[in-house]
Amino acid sequence: MNNLNQTLARSVYDKIEAINAAGRDDKYKKKYGKMALRLPALVQSAGLLQALAFVENNNEIPPKDLVGDLASVLVFPTKKDLLDACIDSPFGEYRYLTRRSVIALTWFKRFAQSTWPEILAAEDDGE
């Protein structure tokens, strides 16, 4: 039987592989990956709901897709369901949701770094 960490790692790996299989371009992967690198720390410093609201306020699609992938990994049907859970959950459940989110986001960060190292290391082109 897999523990929470293993279960989340498998789900996140499948999401990263789906991006590769979909033939997304390097620009998409870079924006997705850069947010994956930043989001675990942002959740820990600002809180889960605030971090997700920050990403959702972003005008770029790849970071928003990361939130959708996070919702899916955490077994929420949609991003809206994840955001609603953040808003409506009692404090203890919200803390547990935050803990699970940080674990999943750490796996997103690790897999993005290991799958797209050259893309993430490339210099920004004035973006």
N, C-alpha and C. Protein backbone atom coordinates (compact mmCIF):
# COMPACT_ATOMS: atom_id res chain seq x y z
N MET A 1 0.85 -1.18 0.00
CA MET A 1 0.00 0.00 0.00
C MET A 1 0.89 1.24 0.00
N ASN A 2 0.56 2.18 -0.85
CA ASN A 2 1.35 3.41 -0.96
C ASN A 2 0.95 4.41 0.12
N ASN A 3 1.93 5.17 0.57
CA ASN A 3 1.62 6.24 1.51
C ASN A 3 1.23 7.50 0.73
N LEU A 4 0.85 8.55 1.46
CA LEU A 4 0.40 9.79 0.82
C LEU A 4 1.46 10.36 -0.12
N ASN A 5 2.70 10.37 0.31
CA ASN A 5 3.78 10.92 -0.50
C ASN A 5 3.92 10.16 -1.82
N GLN A 6 3.89 8.84 -1.76
CA GLN A 6 4.02 8.03 -2.97
C GLN A 6 2.83 8.23 -3.91
N THR A 7 1.64 8.30 -3.34
CA THR A 7 0.43 8.48 -4.14
C THR A 7 0.46 9.82 -4.87
N LEU A 8 0.83 10.87 -4.15
CA LEU A 8 0.90 12.19 -4.77
C LEU A 8 2.02 12.25 -5.81
N ALA A 9 3.15 11.64 -5.51
CA ALA A 9 4.27 11.63 -6.46
C ALA A 9 3.85 10.97 -7.77
N ARG A 10 3.17 9.85 -7.71
CA ARG A 10 2.72 9.16 -8.92
C ARG A 10 1.76 10.03 -9.71
N SER A 11 0.81 10.67 -9.03
CA SER A 11 -0.17 11.52 -9.71
C SER A 11 0.50 12.72 -10.38
N VAL A 12 1.43 13.33 -9.68
CA VAL A 12 2.14 14.49 -10.23
C VAL A 12 3.00 14.07 -11.42
N TYR A 13 3.70 12.97 -11.29
CA TYR A 13 4.52 12.48 -12.39
C TYR A 13 3.67 12.26 -13.64
N ASP A 14 2.50 11.69 -13.46
CA ASP A 14 1.59 11.47 -14.59
C ASP A 14 1.17 12.80 -15.23
N LYS A 15 0.97 13.84 -14.44
CA LYS A 15 0.60 15.16 -14.97
C LYS A 15 1.75 15.75 -15.80
N ILE A 16 2.97 15.64 -15.28
CA ILE A 16 4.14 16.17 -16.01
C ILE A 16 4.34 15.39 -17.30
N GLU A 17 4.18 14.08 -17.25
CA GLU A 17 4.32 13.27 -18.45
C GLU A 17 3.22 13.58 -19.46
N ALA A 18 2.03 13.93 -18.98
CA ALA A 18 0.94 14.30 -19.89
C ALA A 18 1.28 15.60 -20.64
N ILE A 19 1.95 16.52 -19.96
CA ILE A 19 2.39 17.76 -20.62
C ILE A 19 3.38 17.42 -21.73
N ASN A 20 4.32 16.53 -21.43
CA ASN A 20 5.29 16.12 -22.45
C ASN A 20 4.60 15.40 -23.60
N ALA A 21 3.67 14.53 -23.29
CA ALA A 21 2.98 13.75 -24.32
C ALA A 21 2.09 14.64 -25.20
N ALA A 22 1.59 15.73 -24.62
CA ALA A 22 0.73 16.64 -25.38
C ALA A 22 1.54 17.50 -26.35
N GLY A 23 2.85 17.43 -26.26
CA GLY A 23 3.70 18.19 -27.18
C GLY A 23 3.72 19.68 -26.90
N ARG A 24 3.54 20.05 -25.64
CA ARG A 24 3.59 21.48 -25.28
C ARG A 24 4.96 22.05 -25.64
N ASP A 25 4.98 23.32 -26.05
CA ASP A 25 6.24 23.94 -26.43
C ASP A 25 7.05 24.34 -25.19
N ASP A 26 8.30 24.72 -25.45
CA ASP A 26 9.21 25.06 -24.35
C ASP A 26 8.74 26.29 -23.57
N LYS A 27 8.10 27.23 -24.24
CA LYS A 27 7.61 28.43 -23.56
C LYS A 27 6.55 28.06 -22.52
N TYR A 28 5.64 27.18 -22.89
CA TYR A 28 4.62 26.71 -21.96
C TYR A 28 5.28 25.99 -20.77
N LYS A 29 6.18 25.07 -21.07
CA LYS A 29 6.85 24.30 -20.02
C LYS A 29 7.62 25.21 -19.07
N LYS A 30 8.24 26.25 -19.63
CA LYS A 30 9.02 27.17 -18.80
C LYS A 30 8.11 27.93 -17.84
N LYS A 31 6.99 28.45 -18.33
CA LYS A 31 6.07 29.19 -17.47
C LYS A 31 5.44 28.29 -16.42
N TYR A 32 5.06 27.10 -16.82
CA TYR A 32 4.49 26.11 -15.91
C TYR A 32 5.54 25.73 -14.85
N GLY A 33 6.74 25.43 -15.33
CA GLY A 33 7.82 25.01 -14.43
C GLY A 33 8.26 26.11 -13.48
N LYS A 34 8.35 27.34 -13.96
CA LYS A 34 8.75 28.45 -13.09
C LYS A 34 7.74 28.64 -11.95
N MET A 35 6.44 28.49 -12.27
CA MET A 35 5.44 28.59 -11.21
C MET A 35 5.53 27.39 -10.28
N ALA A 36 5.82 26.22 -10.83
CA ALA A 36 5.99 25.04 -9.99
C ALA A 36 7.15 25.22 -9.01
N LEU A 37 8.18 25.94 -9.43
CA LEU A 37 9.32 26.19 -8.55
C LEU A 37 8.96 27.16 -7.42
N ARG A 38 8.09 28.11 -7.71
CA ARG A 38 7.77 29.17 -6.74
C ARG A 38 6.62 28.82 -5.80
N LEU A 39 5.69 28.02 -6.27
CA LEU A 39 4.43 27.85 -5.55
C LEU A 39 4.54 27.19 -4.18
N PRO A 40 5.37 26.17 -3.97
CA PRO A 40 5.44 25.59 -2.61
C PRO A 40 5.84 26.64 -1.55
N ALA A 41 6.82 27.46 -1.84
CA ALA A 41 7.24 28.49 -0.89
C ALA A 41 6.16 29.55 -0.72
N LEU A 42 5.48 29.89 -1.81
CA LEU A 42 4.41 30.88 -1.73
C LEU A 42 3.27 30.38 -0.85
N VAL A 43 2.93 29.10 -0.97
CA VAL A 43 1.88 28.53 -0.12
C VAL A 43 2.31 28.59 1.34
N GLN A 44 3.56 28.26 1.62
CA GLN A 44 4.02 28.26 3.01
C GLN A 44 4.12 29.66 3.59
N SER A 45 4.41 30.65 2.76
CA SER A 45 4.55 32.01 3.30
C SER A 45 3.23 32.77 3.32
N ALA A 46 2.38 32.59 2.32
CA ALA A 46 1.15 33.38 2.23
C ALA A 46 -0.10 32.61 2.62
N GLY A 47 -0.04 31.30 2.54
CA GLY A 47 -1.21 30.48 2.78
C GLY A 47 -1.72 29.91 1.46
N LEU A 48 -2.40 28.78 1.55
CA LEU A 48 -2.85 28.08 0.35
C LEU A 48 -3.84 28.91 -0.46
N LEU A 49 -4.86 29.41 0.16
CA LEU A 49 -5.88 30.16 -0.57
C LEU A 49 -5.30 31.41 -1.22
N GLN A 50 -4.48 32.14 -0.50
CA GLN A 50 -3.89 33.35 -1.05
C GLN A 50 -2.97 33.03 -2.23
N ALA A 51 -2.20 31.96 -2.11
CA ALA A 51 -1.29 31.57 -3.20
C ALA A 51 -2.08 31.16 -4.44
N LEU A 52 -3.13 30.39 -4.24
CA LEU A 52 -3.94 29.97 -5.39
C LEU A 52 -4.64 31.15 -6.02
N ALA A 53 -5.12 32.09 -5.20
CA ALA A 53 -5.76 33.29 -5.74
C ALA A 53 -4.76 34.12 -6.54
N PHE A 54 -3.53 34.20 -6.06
CA PHE A 54 -2.47 34.91 -6.79
C PHE A 54 -2.26 34.31 -8.17
N VAL A 55 -2.18 32.98 -8.23
CA VAL A 55 -1.96 32.31 -9.52
C VAL A 55 -3.17 32.48 -10.42
N GLU A 56 -4.35 32.36 -9.87
CA GLU A 56 -5.56 32.51 -10.68
C GLU A 56 -5.72 33.93 -11.21
N ASN A 57 -5.15 34.90 -10.52
CA ASN A 57 -5.20 36.29 -10.98
C ASN A 57 -4.20 36.55 -12.11
N ASN A 58 -3.27 35.63 -12.30
CA ASN A 58 -2.26 35.72 -13.36
C ASN A 58 -2.95 35.61 -14.71
N ASN A 59 -2.48 36.35 -15.71
CA ASN A 59 -3.09 36.32 -17.03
C ASN A 59 -2.58 35.18 -17.90
N GLU A 60 -1.59 34.43 -17.44
CA GLU A 60 -0.99 33.39 -18.27
C GLU A 60 -1.62 32.03 -17.97
N ILE A 61 -1.80 31.25 -19.01
CA ILE A 61 -2.47 29.95 -18.91
C ILE A 61 -1.64 28.89 -18.18
N PRO A 62 -0.32 28.73 -18.45
CA PRO A 62 0.40 27.64 -17.80
C PRO A 62 0.32 27.64 -16.27
N PRO A 63 0.47 28.78 -15.58
CA PRO A 63 0.32 28.73 -14.12
C PRO A 63 -1.09 28.32 -13.68
N LYS A 64 -2.10 28.76 -14.43
CA LYS A 64 -3.47 28.36 -14.11
C LYS A 64 -3.66 26.86 -14.33
N ASP A 65 -3.01 26.33 -15.36
CA ASP A 65 -3.07 24.88 -15.59
C ASP A 65 -2.43 24.12 -14.43
N LEU A 66 -1.39 24.68 -13.84
CA LEU A 66 -0.77 24.05 -12.68
C LEU A 66 -1.77 23.94 -11.53
N VAL A 67 -2.55 24.97 -11.31
CA VAL A 67 -3.57 24.91 -10.25
C VAL A 67 -4.61 23.85 -10.58
N GLY A 68 -5.00 23.76 -11.85
CA GLY A 68 -5.93 22.71 -12.26
C GLY A 68 -5.35 21.33 -12.05
N ASP A 69 -4.06 21.18 -12.37
CA ASP A 69 -3.40 19.89 -12.15
C ASP A 69 -3.30 19.58 -10.66
N LEU A 70 -3.03 20.59 -9.84
CA LEU A 70 -3.00 20.39 -8.40
C LEU A 70 -4.37 19.92 -7.90
N ALA A 71 -5.42 20.57 -8.36
CA ALA A 71 -6.77 20.17 -7.95
C ALA A 71 -7.03 18.71 -8.32
N SER A 72 -6.63 18.33 -9.53
CA SER A 72 -6.83 16.96 -9.98
C SER A 72 -6.05 15.96 -9.13
N VAL A 73 -4.80 16.30 -8.83
CA VAL A 73 -3.95 15.43 -8.02
C VAL A 73 -4.55 15.26 -6.61
N LEU A 74 -5.16 16.31 -6.10
CA LEU A 74 -5.77 16.26 -4.77
C LEU A 74 -7.19 15.71 -4.83
N VAL A 75 -7.61 15.23 -5.99
CA VAL A 75 -8.89 14.58 -6.24
C VAL A 75 -10.07 15.54 -6.08
N PHE A 76 -9.91 16.74 -6.60
CA PHE A 76 -11.01 17.68 -6.74
C PHE A 76 -11.39 17.71 -8.22
N PRO A 77 -12.67 17.71 -8.53
CA PRO A 77 -13.08 17.70 -9.94
C PRO A 77 -12.61 18.92 -10.74
N THR A 78 -12.59 20.09 -10.10
CA THR A 78 -12.20 21.31 -10.79
C THR A 78 -11.39 22.22 -9.87
N LYS A 79 -10.76 23.24 -10.47
CA LYS A 79 -10.06 24.26 -9.66
C LYS A 79 -11.04 24.95 -8.72
N LYS A 80 -12.23 25.21 -9.21
CA LYS A 80 -13.24 25.89 -8.39
C LYS A 80 -13.56 25.07 -7.14
N ASP A 81 -13.63 23.76 -7.29
CA ASP A 81 -13.90 22.91 -6.13
C ASP A 81 -12.77 22.99 -5.11
N LEU A 82 -11.53 23.06 -5.59
CA LEU A 82 -10.39 23.22 -4.68
C LEU A 82 -10.46 24.56 -3.96
N LEU A 83 -10.72 25.62 -4.71
CA LEU A 83 -10.82 26.95 -4.09
C LEU A 83 -11.98 27.00 -3.10
N ASP A 84 -13.11 26.40 -3.46
CA ASP A 84 -14.25 26.36 -2.54
C ASP A 84 -13.90 25.61 -1.27
N ALA A 85 -13.16 24.51 -1.40
CA ALA A 85 -12.74 23.75 -0.22
C ALA A 85 -11.84 24.58 0.67
N CYS A 86 -10.97 25.39 0.07
CA CYS A 86 -10.09 26.27 0.85
C CYS A 86 -10.92 27.29 1.64
N ILE A 87 -11.96 27.79 1.01
CA ILE A 87 -12.79 28.82 1.64
C ILE A 87 -13.72 28.24 2.69
N ASP A 88 -14.32 27.10 2.39
CA ASP A 88 -15.41 26.57 3.22
C ASP A 88 -14.98 25.58 4.28
N SER A 89 -13.76 25.05 4.21
CA SER A 89 -13.35 24.01 5.15
C SER A 89 -13.08 24.58 6.54
N PRO A 90 -13.40 23.79 7.56
CA PRO A 90 -12.99 24.18 8.91
C PRO A 90 -11.46 24.23 8.99
N PHE A 91 -10.96 24.94 9.99
CA PHE A 91 -9.52 25.20 10.07
C PHE A 91 -8.68 23.93 10.02
N GLY A 92 -9.04 22.89 10.74
CA GLY A 92 -8.26 21.66 10.76
C GLY A 92 -8.21 21.01 9.39
N GLU A 93 -9.30 21.00 8.67
CA GLU A 93 -9.33 20.43 7.32
C GLU A 93 -8.52 21.29 6.35
N TYR A 94 -8.60 22.61 6.53
CA TYR A 94 -7.82 23.52 5.68
C TYR A 94 -6.32 23.29 5.89
N ARG A 95 -5.92 23.09 7.14
CA ARG A 95 -4.50 22.81 7.41
C ARG A 95 -4.06 21.51 6.76
N TYR A 96 -4.91 20.49 6.82
CA TYR A 96 -4.58 19.21 6.20
C TYR A 96 -4.53 19.36 4.67
N LEU A 97 -5.45 20.11 4.11
CA LEU A 97 -5.45 20.38 2.68
C LEU A 97 -4.18 21.13 2.28
N THR A 98 -3.77 22.08 3.10
CA THR A 98 -2.53 22.81 2.84
C THR A 98 -1.33 21.87 2.88
N ARG A 99 -1.31 20.99 3.86
CA ARG A 99 -0.20 20.02 3.99
C ARG A 99 -0.12 19.14 2.75
N ARG A 100 -1.26 18.59 2.32
CA ARG A 100 -1.29 17.75 1.12
C ARG A 100 -0.88 18.55 -0.11
N SER A 101 -1.31 19.81 -0.18
CA SER A 101 -0.96 20.66 -1.32
C SER A 101 0.53 20.92 -1.39
N VAL A 102 1.15 21.20 -0.25
CA VAL A 102 2.59 21.47 -0.23
C VAL A 102 3.37 20.22 -0.65
N ILE A 103 2.93 19.06 -0.21
CA ILE A 103 3.59 17.82 -0.62
C ILE A 103 3.48 17.65 -2.14
N ALA A 104 2.27 17.83 -2.67
CA ALA A 104 2.06 17.68 -4.11
C ALA A 104 2.86 18.73 -4.88
N LEU A 105 2.83 19.97 -4.43
CA LEU A 105 3.55 21.04 -5.12
C LEU A 105 5.06 20.83 -5.08
N THR A 106 5.54 20.24 -4.01
CA THR A 106 6.97 19.91 -3.94
C THR A 106 7.31 18.86 -5.00
N TRP A 107 6.41 17.92 -5.22
CA TRP A 107 6.63 16.94 -6.29
C TRP A 107 6.55 17.60 -7.66
N PHE A 108 5.62 18.54 -7.86
CA PHE A 108 5.59 19.29 -9.12
C PHE A 108 6.93 19.98 -9.36
N LYS A 109 7.45 20.60 -8.31
CA LYS A 109 8.73 21.30 -8.41
C LYS A 109 9.86 20.33 -8.78
N ARG A 110 9.93 19.21 -8.07
CA ARG A 110 11.00 18.24 -8.32
C ARG A 110 10.94 17.66 -9.72
N PHE A 111 9.74 17.28 -10.15
CA PHE A 111 9.61 16.68 -11.48
C PHE A 111 9.83 17.71 -12.59
N ALA A 112 9.41 18.94 -12.37
CA ALA A 112 9.69 19.99 -13.37
C ALA A 112 11.19 20.20 -13.49
N GLN A 113 11.89 20.26 -12.35
CA GLN A 113 13.34 20.45 -12.37
C GLN A 113 14.06 19.29 -13.05
N SER A 114 13.61 18.07 -12.80
CA SER A 114 14.31 16.91 -13.36
C SER A 114 13.91 16.62 -14.80
N THR A 115 12.71 17.03 -15.20
CA THR A 115 12.24 16.75 -16.55
C THR A 115 12.64 17.84 -17.54
N TRP A 116 12.64 19.08 -17.09
CA TRP A 116 12.92 20.22 -17.99
C TRP A 116 14.08 21.08 -17.49
N PRO A 117 15.23 20.51 -17.11
CA PRO A 117 16.30 21.34 -16.53
C PRO A 117 16.83 22.40 -17.49
N GLU A 118 16.99 22.06 -18.76
CA GLU A 118 17.52 23.02 -19.72
C GLU A 118 16.53 24.15 -19.98
N ILE A 119 15.26 23.80 -20.03
CA ILE A 119 14.21 24.80 -20.29
C ILE A 119 14.12 25.80 -19.13
N LEU A 120 14.15 25.28 -17.91
CA LEU A 120 14.04 26.15 -16.74
C LEU A 120 15.31 26.96 -16.50
N ALA A 121 16.45 26.46 -16.95
CA ALA A 121 17.71 27.18 -16.77
C ALA A 121 17.95 28.23 -17.85
N ALA A 122 17.21 28.14 -18.94
CA ALA A 122 17.41 29.09 -20.06
C ALA A 122 17.10 30.51 -19.61
N GLU A 123 17.85 31.43 -20.18
CA GLU A 123 17.64 32.86 -19.87
C GLU A 123 16.27 33.31 -20.35
N ASP A 124 15.67 34.21 -19.60
CA ASP A 124 14.39 34.79 -20.03
C ASP A 124 14.63 35.71 -21.21
N ASP A 125 13.69 35.72 -22.13
CA ASP A 125 13.77 36.57 -23.31
C ASP A 125 12.93 37.82 -23.11
N GLY A 126 13.18 38.53 -22.03
CA GLY A 126 12.43 39.74 -21.76
C GLY A 126 11.03 39.48 -21.28
N GLU A 127 10.77 38.25 -20.79
CA GLU A 127 9.43 37.92 -20.32
C GLU A 127 9.19 38.44 -18.93
